[in-house]
Amino acid sequence: MHEIRELHVARVALIKDRIARLNRLDTARNRIVVRRLQARERQTDRQIAQIGAELVRLIDADPELARR
């Protein structure tokens, strides 16, 4: 259960970071800055997906949680 909580906290932090980055992207004008923000966005999306997949795996592996 601790592992699930830890992954959830990490996922929430990544989502908050993603929102802040999207806000910065809306105001960014420099091409290099825009590209770096977009690259970081793709990386964050991959990390969120990885954590989500691990959460699903852990929940499915626990019979009590899988029933919920």
C-alpha atoms as a PDB file:
ATOM      1  CA  MET A   1       0.000   0.000   0.000  1.00  0.00           C
ATOM      2  CA  HIS A   2       2.912   2.335   0.744  1.00  0.00           C
ATOM      3  CA  GLU A   3       4.232   1.817  -2.767  1.00  0.00           C
ATOM      4  CA  ILE A   4       0.879   2.755  -4.290  1.00  0.00           C
ATOM      5  CA  ARG A   5       0.711   5.894  -2.165  1.00  0.00           C
ATOM      6  CA  GLU A   6       4.247   6.860  -3.173  1.00  0.00           C
ATOM      7  CA  LEU A   7       3.474   6.393  -6.872  1.00  0.00           C
ATOM      8  CA  HIS A   8       0.254   8.377  -6.522  1.00  0.00           C
ATOM      9  CA  VAL A   9       2.107  11.290  -4.907  1.00  0.00           C
ATOM     10  CA  ALA A  10       4.711  11.221  -7.694  1.00  0.00           C
ATOM     11  CA  ARG A  11       1.980  11.169 -10.347  1.00  0.00           C
ATOM     12  CA  VAL A  12       0.176  14.125  -8.791  1.00  0.00           C
ATOM     13  CA  ALA A  13       3.456  16.086  -8.662  1.00  0.00           C
ATOM     14  CA  LEU A  14       4.112  15.361 -12.340  1.00  0.00           C
ATOM     15  CA  ILE A  15       0.615  16.499 -13.265  1.00  0.00           C
ATOM     16  CA  LYS A  16       1.065  19.761 -11.346  1.00  0.00           C
ATOM     17  CA  ASP A  17       4.434  20.271 -13.041  1.00  0.00           C
ATOM     18  CA  ARG A  18       2.802  19.591 -16.406  1.00  0.00           C
ATOM     19  CA  ILE A  19       0.118  22.230 -15.798  1.00  0.00           C
ATOM     20  CA  ALA A  20       2.726  24.823 -14.822  1.00  0.00           C
ATOM     21  CA  ARG A  21       4.773  24.000 -17.923  1.00  0.00           C
ATOM     22  CA  LEU A  22       1.717  24.312 -20.175  1.00  0.00           C
ATOM     23  CA  ASN A  23       1.073  27.742 -18.688  1.00  0.00           C
ATOM     24  CA  ARG A  24       4.681  28.754 -19.412  1.00  0.00           C
ATOM     25  CA  LEU A  25       4.346  27.377 -22.931  1.00  0.00           C
ATOM     26  CA  ASP A  26       1.362  29.658 -23.537  1.00  0.00           C
ATOM     27  CA  THR A  27       3.540  32.718 -22.900  1.00  0.00           C
ATOM     28  CA  ALA A  28       6.885  31.509 -24.302  1.00  0.00           C
ATOM     29  CA  ARG A  29       8.026  33.268 -27.439  1.00  0.00           C
ATOM     30  CA  ASN A  30      11.601  32.121 -27.913  1.00  0.00           C
ATOM     31  CA  ARG A  31      11.892  29.122 -30.255  1.00  0.00           C
ATOM     32  CA  ILE A  32      14.484  27.374 -28.108  1.00  0.00           C
ATOM     33  CA  VAL A  33      12.437  27.826 -24.936  1.00  0.00           C
ATOM     34  CA  VAL A  34       9.303  26.544 -26.686  1.00  0.00           C
ATOM     35  CA  ARG A  35      11.135  23.460 -27.979  1.00  0.00           C
ATOM     36  CA  ARG A  36      12.598  22.693 -24.541  1.00  0.00           C
ATOM     37  CA  LEU A  37       9.173  23.030 -22.909  1.00  0.00           C
ATOM     38  CA  GLN A  38       7.635  20.764 -25.546  1.00  0.00           C
ATOM     39  CA  ALA A  39      10.393  18.173 -25.086  1.00  0.00           C
ATOM     40  CA  ARG A  40       9.912  18.234 -21.327  1.00  0.00           C
ATOM     41  CA  GLU A  41       6.160  17.858 -21.883  1.00  0.00           C
ATOM     42  CA  ARG A  42       6.691  14.656 -23.886  1.00  0.00           C
ATOM     43  CA  GLN A  43       9.002  13.325 -21.183  1.00  0.00           C
ATOM     44  CA  THR A  44       6.472  14.115 -18.457  1.00  0.00           C
ATOM     45  CA  ASP A  45       3.690  12.412 -20.425  1.00  0.00           C
ATOM     46  CA  ARG A  46       5.823   9.255 -20.673  1.00  0.00           C
ATOM     47  CA  GLN A  47       6.564   9.344 -16.946  1.00  0.00           C
ATOM     48  CA  ILE A  48       2.886   9.796 -16.048  1.00  0.00           C
ATOM     49  CA  ALA A  49       1.999   6.855 -18.296  1.00  0.00           C
ATOM     50  CA  GLN A  50       4.704   4.662 -16.721  1.00  0.00           C
ATOM     51  CA  ILE A  51       3.514   5.459 -13.224  1.00  0.00           C
ATOM     52  CA  GLY A  52      -0.097   4.857 -14.250  1.00  0.00           C
ATOM     53  CA  ALA A  53       0.790   1.462 -15.683  1.00  0.00           C
ATOM     54  CA  GLU A  54       2.658   0.510 -12.508  1.00  0.00           C
ATOM     55  CA  LEU A  55      -0.298   1.602 -10.375  1.00  0.00           C
ATOM     56  CA  VAL A  56      -2.626  -0.590 -12.433  1.00  0.00           C
ATOM     57  CA  ARG A  57      -0.219  -3.524 -12.098  1.00  0.00           C
ATOM     58  CA  LEU A  58       0.021  -3.142  -8.323  1.00  0.00           C
ATOM     59  CA  ILE A  59      -3.735  -2.787  -7.904  1.00  0.00           C
ATOM     60  CA  ASP A  60      -4.424  -5.816 -10.105  1.00  0.00           C
ATOM     61  CA  ALA A  61      -1.886  -7.841  -8.107  1.00  0.00           C
ATOM     62  CA  ASP A  62      -3.705  -7.149  -4.834  1.00  0.00           C
ATOM     63  CA  PRO A  63      -6.973  -9.139  -4.689  1.00  0.00           C
ATOM     64  CA  GLU A  64      -8.558  -6.741  -2.189  1.00  0.00           C
ATOM     65  CA  LEU A  65      -7.763  -3.656  -4.258  1.00  0.00           C
ATOM     66  CA  ALA A  66      -8.647  -5.350  -7.529  1.00  0.00           C
ATOM     67  CA  ARG A  67     -12.189  -5.973  -6.249  1.00  0.00           C
ATOM     68  CA  ARG A  68     -12.792  -2.223  -5.738  1.00  0.00           C
END
